[in-house]
């Protein structure tokens, strides 16, 4: 697609250059001629100088324009290649987090959970940097960036939910050591809250899995 766009630009520049040279020749010959024009002999020297000047002007115009067009094309290609590589890296990191979330739990102690959380936060930081480096050159890139931002927010929510689940789990464990009515009621309420948080976390995680399935790398050929 980029090659096609470059060809279109070259055609447009060629058209306007040819038009400019043509009208320059017409006006120059008209101004150099005496009246009546049809009675004047053809002056080869003047004609040569006019054509030479026209070609010189065309070359002077085409050189910077061609350089600018090639630079623009190179920059667009570089941008698309960079987006493709960054988007693939982001998706790879997201898949790693997907695997880590399957084993993420705060119910077996906060120490293990903090280690798992630290690794996920590290990857989220890497994803944030890569996502910020993406060039918003088209709607696909903009949608990709917004999707990743939404996923990142869901990750933070999942970590907070799992941390709260861990706290409630510890409360239930402590209350189970006490057989008083208050402890049993507290355990019951904690269990209800923990179930609600677990359902919320599962919902976010399932949504993330579906989004990840639909998330594709940014194409080099897309405009």
C-alpha atoms as a PDB file:
ATOM      1  CA  UNK A   1       0.000   0.000   0.000  1.00  0.00           C
ATOM      2  CA  UNK A   2       2.871   2.386   0.802  1.00  0.00           C
ATOM      3  CA  UNK A   3       4.456   1.683  -2.594  1.00  0.00           C
ATOM      4  CA  UNK A   4       1.175   2.548  -4.252  1.00  0.00           C
ATOM      5  CA  UNK A   5       0.977   5.804  -2.313  1.00  0.00           C
ATOM      6  CA  UNK A   6       4.558   6.661  -3.279  1.00  0.00           C
ATOM      7  CA  UNK A   7       3.775   6.011  -6.952  1.00  0.00           C
ATOM      8  CA  UNK A   8       0.706   8.260  -6.702  1.00  0.00           C
ATOM      9  CA  UNK A   9       2.811  11.025  -5.172  1.00  0.00           C
ATOM     10  CA  UNK A  10       5.438  10.656  -7.915  1.00  0.00           C
ATOM     11  CA  UNK A  11       2.728  10.894 -10.572  1.00  0.00           C
ATOM     12  CA  UNK A  12       1.337  14.049  -8.980  1.00  0.00           C
ATOM     13  CA  UNK A  13       4.771  15.675  -8.764  1.00  0.00           C
ATOM     14  CA  UNK A  14       5.507  14.665 -12.348  1.00  0.00           C
ATOM     15  CA  UNK A  15       2.229  16.122 -13.543  1.00  0.00           C
ATOM     16  CA  UNK A  16       2.729  19.476 -11.814  1.00  0.00           C
ATOM     17  CA  UNK A  17       6.380  19.636 -12.880  1.00  0.00           C
ATOM     18  CA  UNK A  18       5.480  18.971 -16.515  1.00  0.00           C
ATOM     19  CA  UNK A  19       2.672  21.533 -16.312  1.00  0.00           C
ATOM     20  CA  UNK A  20       5.002  24.123 -14.818  1.00  0.00           C
ATOM     21  CA  UNK A  21       7.659  23.527 -17.475  1.00  0.00           C
ATOM     22  CA  UNK A  22       5.079  23.665 -20.249  1.00  0.00           C
ATOM     23  CA  UNK A  23       3.603  26.981 -19.136  1.00  0.00           C
ATOM     24  CA  UNK A  24       7.070  28.391 -18.459  1.00  0.00           C
ATOM     25  CA  UNK A  25       8.024  27.592 -22.065  1.00  0.00           C
ATOM     26  CA  UNK A  26       4.820  29.077 -23.436  1.00  0.00           C
ATOM     27  CA  UNK A  27       5.154  32.322 -21.471  1.00  0.00           C
ATOM     28  CA  UNK A  28       8.900  32.601 -22.175  1.00  0.00           C
ATOM     29  CA  UNK A  29       8.529  32.139 -25.924  1.00  0.00           C
ATOM     30  CA  UNK A  30       5.649  34.590 -25.918  1.00  0.00           C
ATOM     31  CA  UNK A  31       7.631  37.271 -24.091  1.00  0.00           C
ATOM     32  CA  UNK A  32      10.750  36.775 -26.247  1.00  0.00           C
ATOM     33  CA  UNK A  33       8.842  37.000 -29.511  1.00  0.00           C
ATOM     34  CA  UNK A  34       8.143  40.149 -31.462  1.00  0.00           C
ATOM     35  CA  UNK A  35       4.861  41.005 -33.155  1.00  0.00           C
ATOM     36  CA  UNK A  36       3.455  39.680 -35.316  1.00  0.00           C
ATOM     37  CA  UNK A  37       4.699  36.332 -34.003  1.00  0.00           C
ATOM     38  CA  UNK A  38       4.009  34.405 -37.222  1.00  0.00           C
ATOM     39  CA  UNK A  39       6.350  36.660 -39.165  1.00  0.00           C
ATOM     40  CA  UNK A  40       9.324  36.188 -36.842  1.00  0.00           C
ATOM     41  CA  UNK A  41      12.055  33.639 -37.730  1.00  0.00           C
ATOM     42  CA  UNK A  42      12.787  30.827 -35.304  1.00  0.00           C
ATOM     43  CA  UNK A  43      15.708  31.731 -33.041  1.00  0.00           C
ATOM     44  CA  UNK A  44      17.435  28.491 -32.080  1.00  0.00           C
ATOM     45  CA  UNK A  45      19.760  30.140 -29.571  1.00  0.00           C
ATOM     46  CA  UNK A  46      16.923  31.755 -27.637  1.00  0.00           C
ATOM     47  CA  UNK A  47      14.916  28.553 -27.766  1.00  0.00           C
ATOM     48  CA  UNK A  48      17.889  26.583 -26.422  1.00  0.00           C
ATOM     49  CA  UNK A  49      18.368  29.025 -23.538  1.00  0.00           C
ATOM     50  CA  UNK A  50      14.669  28.947 -22.650  1.00  0.00           C
ATOM     51  CA  UNK A  51      14.550  25.137 -22.669  1.00  0.00           C
ATOM     52  CA  UNK A  52      17.794  25.001 -20.678  1.00  0.00           C
ATOM     53  CA  UNK A  53      16.402  27.378 -18.056  1.00  0.00           C
ATOM     54  CA  UNK A  54      13.135  25.410 -17.900  1.00  0.00           C
ATOM     55  CA  UNK A  55      14.964  22.131 -17.332  1.00  0.00           C
ATOM     56  CA  UNK A  56      17.199  23.791 -14.730  1.00  0.00           C
ATOM     57  CA  UNK A  57      14.188  25.086 -12.839  1.00  0.00           C
ATOM     58  CA  UNK A  58      12.534  21.673 -13.052  1.00  0.00           C
ATOM     59  CA  UNK A  59      15.665  19.983 -11.678  1.00  0.00           C
ATOM     60  CA  UNK A  60      15.974  22.561  -8.900  1.00  0.00           C
ATOM     61  CA  UNK A  61      12.333  21.925  -7.973  1.00  0.00           C
ATOM     62  CA  UNK A  62      12.460  18.127  -8.252  1.00  0.00           C
ATOM     63  CA  UNK A  63      15.618  17.550  -6.203  1.00  0.00           C
ATOM     64  CA  UNK A  64      14.304  18.763  -2.823  1.00  0.00           C
ATOM     65  CA  UNK A  65      10.795  17.486  -3.514  1.00  0.00           C
ATOM     66  CA  UNK A  66      12.086  14.004  -4.358  1.00  0.00           C
ATOM     67  CA  UNK A  67      14.291  13.993  -1.257  1.00  0.00           C
ATOM     68  CA  UNK A  68      11.365  15.082   0.907  1.00  0.00           C
ATOM     69  CA  UNK A  69       9.059  12.421  -0.584  1.00  0.00           C
ATOM     70  CA  UNK A  70      11.611   9.656  -0.063  1.00  0.00           C
ATOM     71  CA  UNK A  71      12.199  10.802   3.511  1.00  0.00           C
ATOM     72  CA  UNK A  72       8.468  10.868   4.188  1.00  0.00           C
ATOM     73  CA  UNK A  73       8.065   7.381   2.726  1.00  0.00           C
ATOM     74  CA  UNK A  74      10.990   6.073   4.779  1.00  0.00           C
ATOM     75  CA  UNK A  75       9.591   7.642   7.942  1.00  0.00           C
ATOM     76  CA  UNK A  76       6.146   6.123   7.345  1.00  0.00           C
ATOM     77  CA  UNK A  77       7.689   2.698   6.753  1.00  0.00           C
ATOM     78  CA  UNK A  78       9.889   3.043   9.832  1.00  0.00           C
ATOM     79  CA  UNK A  79       6.861   4.042  11.913  1.00  0.00           C
ATOM     80  CA  UNK A  80       4.821   1.053  10.734  1.00  0.00           C
ATOM     81  CA  UNK A  81       7.685  -1.391  11.312  1.00  0.00           C
ATOM     82  CA  UNK A  82       8.222   0.044  14.793  1.00  0.00           C
ATOM     83  CA  UNK A  83       4.499  -0.272  15.584  1.00  0.00           C
ATOM     84  CA  UNK A  84       4.468  -3.851  14.326  1.00  0.00           C
ATOM     85  CA  UNK A  85       7.413  -4.846  16.535  1.00  0.00           C
ATOM     86  CA  UNK A  86       6.122  -3.019  19.609  1.00  0.00           C
ATOM     87  CA  UNK A  87       2.585  -4.402  19.265  1.00  0.00           C
ATOM     88  CA  UNK A  88       3.957  -7.959  18.975  1.00  0.00           C
ATOM     89  CA  UNK A  89       6.060  -7.440  22.103  1.00  0.00           C
ATOM     90  CA  UNK A  90       3.036  -6.073  23.980  1.00  0.00           C
ATOM     91  CA  UNK A  91       0.918  -9.072  23.005  1.00  0.00           C
ATOM     92  CA  UNK A  92       3.711 -11.451  24.091  1.00  0.00           C
ATOM     93  CA  UNK A  93       3.899  -9.709  27.479  1.00  0.00           C
ATOM     94  CA  UNK A  94       0.111  -9.842  27.833  1.00  0.00           C
ATOM     95  CA  UNK A  95       0.169 -13.580  27.206  1.00  0.00           C
ATOM     96  CA  UNK A  96       2.802 -13.969  29.917  1.00  0.00           C
ATOM     97  CA  UNK A  97       0.560 -12.095  32.345  1.00  0.00           C
ATOM     98  CA  UNK A  98      -2.330 -14.335  31.290  1.00  0.00           C
ATOM     99  CA  UNK A  99      -0.302 -17.355  32.410  1.00  0.00           C
ATOM    100  CA  UNK A 100       0.711 -15.681  35.680  1.00  0.00           C
ATOM    101  CA  UNK A 101      -2.896 -14.755  36.484  1.00  0.00           C
ATOM    102  CA  UNK A 102      -3.887 -18.407  36.316  1.00  0.00           C
ATOM    103  CA  UNK A 103      -1.632 -19.066  39.318  1.00  0.00           C
ATOM    104  CA  UNK A 104      -2.120 -15.746  41.096  1.00  0.00           C
ATOM    105  CA  UNK A 105      -3.590 -16.247  44.549  1.00  0.00           C
ATOM    106  CA  UNK A 106      -3.366 -14.507  47.898  1.00  0.00           C
ATOM    107  CA  UNK A 107      -5.069 -17.351  49.770  1.00  0.00           C
ATOM    108  CA  UNK A 108      -1.831 -19.227  50.419  1.00  0.00           C
ATOM    109  CA  UNK A 109      -0.053 -16.349  52.117  1.00  0.00           C
ATOM    110  CA  UNK A 110       0.837 -12.781  51.300  1.00  0.00           C
ATOM    111  CA  UNK A 111       4.555 -13.471  50.700  1.00  0.00           C
ATOM    112  CA  UNK A 112       3.986 -15.657  47.652  1.00  0.00           C
ATOM    113  CA  UNK A 113       1.306 -13.293  46.398  1.00  0.00           C
ATOM    114  CA  UNK A 114       3.636 -10.294  46.671  1.00  0.00           C
ATOM    115  CA  UNK A 115       6.261 -12.088  44.566  1.00  0.00           C
ATOM    116  CA  UNK A 116       3.669 -12.896  41.896  1.00  0.00           C
ATOM    117  CA  UNK A 117       2.293  -9.358  42.058  1.00  0.00           C
ATOM    118  CA  UNK A 118       5.763  -7.854  41.719  1.00  0.00           C
ATOM    119  CA  UNK A 119       6.425  -9.807  38.518  1.00  0.00           C
ATOM    120  CA  UNK A 120       3.069  -8.808  37.017  1.00  0.00           C
ATOM    121  CA  UNK A 121       3.623  -5.143  37.891  1.00  0.00           C
ATOM    122  CA  UNK A 122       7.056  -5.324  36.270  1.00  0.00           C
ATOM    123  CA  UNK A 123       5.545  -6.636  33.035  1.00  0.00           C
ATOM    124  CA  UNK A 124       2.749  -4.036  33.190  1.00  0.00           C
ATOM    125  CA  UNK A 125       5.433  -1.349  33.413  1.00  0.00           C
ATOM    126  CA  UNK A 126       7.151  -2.768  30.312  1.00  0.00           C
ATOM    127  CA  UNK A 127       3.826  -2.835  28.465  1.00  0.00           C
ATOM    128  CA  UNK A 128       3.106   0.780  29.448  1.00  0.00           C
ATOM    129  CA  UNK A 129       6.458   1.959  28.070  1.00  0.00           C
ATOM    130  CA  UNK A 130       5.992   0.033  24.803  1.00  0.00           C
ATOM    131  CA  UNK A 131       2.416   1.276  24.452  1.00  0.00           C
ATOM    132  CA  UNK A 132       3.523   4.885  24.940  1.00  0.00           C
ATOM    133  CA  UNK A 133       6.149   4.395  22.223  1.00  0.00           C
ATOM    134  CA  UNK A 134       3.534   3.379  19.651  1.00  0.00           C
ATOM    135  CA  UNK A 135       2.895   5.929  16.903  1.00  0.00           C
ATOM    136  CA  UNK A 136      -0.770   6.864  16.519  1.00  0.00           C
ATOM    137  CA  UNK A 137      -0.605   6.891  12.713  1.00  0.00           C
ATOM    138  CA  UNK A 138      -4.073   5.469  12.054  1.00  0.00           C
ATOM    139  CA  UNK A 139      -7.270   4.325  13.771  1.00  0.00           C
ATOM    140  CA  UNK A 140      -5.951   0.777  14.263  1.00  0.00           C
ATOM    141  CA  UNK A 141      -2.975   2.081  16.234  1.00  0.00           C
ATOM    142  CA  UNK A 142      -5.225   4.353  18.289  1.00  0.00           C
ATOM    143  CA  UNK A 143      -7.641   1.487  19.045  1.00  0.00           C
ATOM    144  CA  UNK A 144      -4.728  -0.800  19.956  1.00  0.00           C
ATOM    145  CA  UNK A 145      -3.313   1.739  22.407  1.00  0.00           C
ATOM    146  CA  UNK A 146      -6.707   2.354  24.020  1.00  0.00           C
ATOM    147  CA  UNK A 147      -7.309  -1.388  24.341  1.00  0.00           C
ATOM    148  CA  UNK A 148      -3.969  -1.889  26.082  1.00  0.00           C
ATOM    149  CA  UNK A 149      -4.719   1.008  28.440  1.00  0.00           C
ATOM    150  CA  UNK A 150      -8.047  -0.649  29.330  1.00  0.00           C
ATOM    151  CA  UNK A 151      -6.333  -4.011  29.904  1.00  0.00           C
ATOM    152  CA  UNK A 152      -3.749  -2.380  32.152  1.00  0.00           C
ATOM    153  CA  UNK A 153      -6.524  -0.911  34.327  1.00  0.00           C
ATOM    154  CA  UNK A 154      -8.152  -4.349  34.554  1.00  0.00           C
ATOM    155  CA  UNK A 155      -4.830  -5.858  35.682  1.00  0.00           C
ATOM    156  CA  UNK A 156      -4.555  -3.359  38.514  1.00  0.00           C
ATOM    157  CA  UNK A 157      -8.155  -4.105  39.507  1.00  0.00           C
ATOM    158  CA  UNK A 158      -7.456  -7.853  39.495  1.00  0.00           C
ATOM    159  CA  UNK A 159      -4.411  -7.403  41.743  1.00  0.00           C
ATOM    160  CA  UNK A 160      -6.403  -5.257  44.181  1.00  0.00           C
ATOM    161  CA  UNK A 161      -9.270  -7.750  44.220  1.00  0.00           C
ATOM    162  CA  UNK A 162      -6.926 -10.676  44.843  1.00  0.00           C
ATOM    163  CA  UNK A 163      -5.200  -8.753  47.636  1.00  0.00           C
ATOM    164  CA  UNK A 164      -8.581  -8.128  49.301  1.00  0.00           C
ATOM    165  CA  UNK A 165      -9.481 -11.781  48.827  1.00  0.00           C
ATOM    166  CA  UNK A 166      -6.264 -12.706  50.635  1.00  0.00           C
ATOM    167  CA  UNK A 167      -7.126 -10.424  53.551  1.00  0.00           C
ATOM    168  CA  UNK A 168     -10.607 -11.942  53.843  1.00  0.00           C
ATOM    169  CA  UNK A 169      -9.130 -15.442  53.627  1.00  0.00           C
ATOM    170  CA  UNK A 170      -6.849 -14.680  56.559  1.00  0.00           C
ATOM    171  CA  UNK A 171      -9.794 -13.314  58.542  1.00  0.00           C
ATOM    172  CA  UNK A 172     -11.774 -16.503  57.907  1.00  0.00           C
ATOM    173  CA  UNK A 173      -8.794 -18.613  58.971  1.00  0.00           C
ATOM    174  CA  UNK A 174      -8.438 -16.666  62.225  1.00  0.00           C
ATOM    175  CA  UNK A 175     -12.160 -16.771  62.957  1.00  0.00           C
ATOM    176  CA  UNK A 176     -12.238 -20.508  62.400  1.00  0.00           C
ATOM    177  CA  UNK A 177     -10.010 -20.899  65.454  1.00  0.00           C
ATOM    178  CA  UNK A 178     -12.717 -19.271  67.568  1.00  0.00           C
ATOM    179  CA  UNK A 179     -16.061 -21.034  67.852  1.00  0.00           C
ATOM    180  CA  UNK A 180     -17.942 -18.028  69.205  1.00  0.00           C
ATOM    181  CA  UNK A 181     -21.116 -16.847  67.492  1.00  0.00           C
ATOM    182  CA  UNK A 182     -19.528 -13.524  66.563  1.00  0.00           C
ATOM    183  CA  UNK A 183     -16.602 -15.264  64.898  1.00  0.00           C
ATOM    184  CA  UNK A 184     -18.901 -17.512  62.909  1.00  0.00           C
ATOM    185  CA  UNK A 185     -20.958 -14.539  61.731  1.00  0.00           C
ATOM    186  CA  UNK A 186     -17.787 -12.674  60.827  1.00  0.00           C
ATOM    187  CA  UNK A 187     -16.548 -15.691  58.873  1.00  0.00           C
ATOM    188  CA  UNK A 188     -19.868 -15.966  57.082  1.00  0.00           C
ATOM    189  CA  UNK A 189     -19.836 -12.301  56.087  1.00  0.00           C
ATOM    190  CA  UNK A 190     -16.196 -12.566  55.010  1.00  0.00           C
ATOM    191  CA  UNK A 191     -17.014 -15.623  52.886  1.00  0.00           C
ATOM    192  CA  UNK A 192     -19.866 -13.767  51.164  1.00  0.00           C
ATOM    193  CA  UNK A 193     -17.591 -10.802  50.413  1.00  0.00           C
ATOM    194  CA  UNK A 194     -14.810 -13.082  49.238  1.00  0.00           C
ATOM    195  CA  UNK A 195     -17.153 -14.896  46.861  1.00  0.00           C
ATOM    196  CA  UNK A 196     -18.356 -11.586  45.411  1.00  0.00           C
ATOM    197  CA  UNK A 197     -14.780 -10.404  44.914  1.00  0.00           C
ATOM    198  CA  UNK A 198     -13.822 -13.741  43.352  1.00  0.00           C
ATOM    199  CA  UNK A 199     -16.695 -13.516  40.884  1.00  0.00           C
ATOM    200  CA  UNK A 200     -15.686  -9.961  40.013  1.00  0.00           C
ATOM    201  CA  UNK A 201     -12.081 -11.022  39.499  1.00  0.00           C
ATOM    202  CA  UNK A 202     -13.095 -13.997  37.339  1.00  0.00           C
ATOM    203  CA  UNK A 203     -15.245 -11.690  35.218  1.00  0.00           C
ATOM    204  CA  UNK A 204     -12.343  -9.318  34.606  1.00  0.00           C
ATOM    205  CA  UNK A 205      -9.989 -12.185  33.833  1.00  0.00           C
ATOM    206  CA  UNK A 206     -12.395 -13.796  31.356  1.00  0.00           C
ATOM    207  CA  UNK A 207     -12.934 -10.457  29.664  1.00  0.00           C
ATOM    208  CA  UNK A 208      -9.167 -10.001  29.374  1.00  0.00           C
ATOM    209  CA  UNK A 209      -8.785 -13.445  27.778  1.00  0.00           C
ATOM    210  CA  UNK A 210     -11.386 -12.597  25.138  1.00  0.00           C
ATOM    211  CA  UNK A 211      -9.804  -9.208  24.431  1.00  0.00           C
ATOM    212  CA  UNK A 212      -6.403 -10.875  24.083  1.00  0.00           C
ATOM    213  CA  UNK A 213      -7.803 -13.344  21.551  1.00  0.00           C
ATOM    214  CA  UNK A 214      -9.145 -10.463  19.445  1.00  0.00           C
ATOM    215  CA  UNK A 215      -6.019  -8.312  19.813  1.00  0.00           C
ATOM    216  CA  UNK A 216      -3.836  -8.493  16.698  1.00  0.00           C
ATOM    217  CA  UNK A 217      -0.415  -6.947  15.936  1.00  0.00           C
ATOM    218  CA  UNK A 218      -0.450  -3.701  13.990  1.00  0.00           C
ATOM    219  CA  UNK A 219       0.030  -4.443  10.291  1.00  0.00           C
ATOM    220  CA  UNK A 220       2.880  -2.922   8.299  1.00  0.00           C
ATOM    221  CA  UNK A 221       0.743  -2.764   5.153  1.00  0.00           C
ATOM    222  CA  UNK A 222      -2.222  -0.958   6.753  1.00  0.00           C
ATOM    223  CA  UNK A 223      -2.608   2.769   6.163  1.00  0.00           C
END
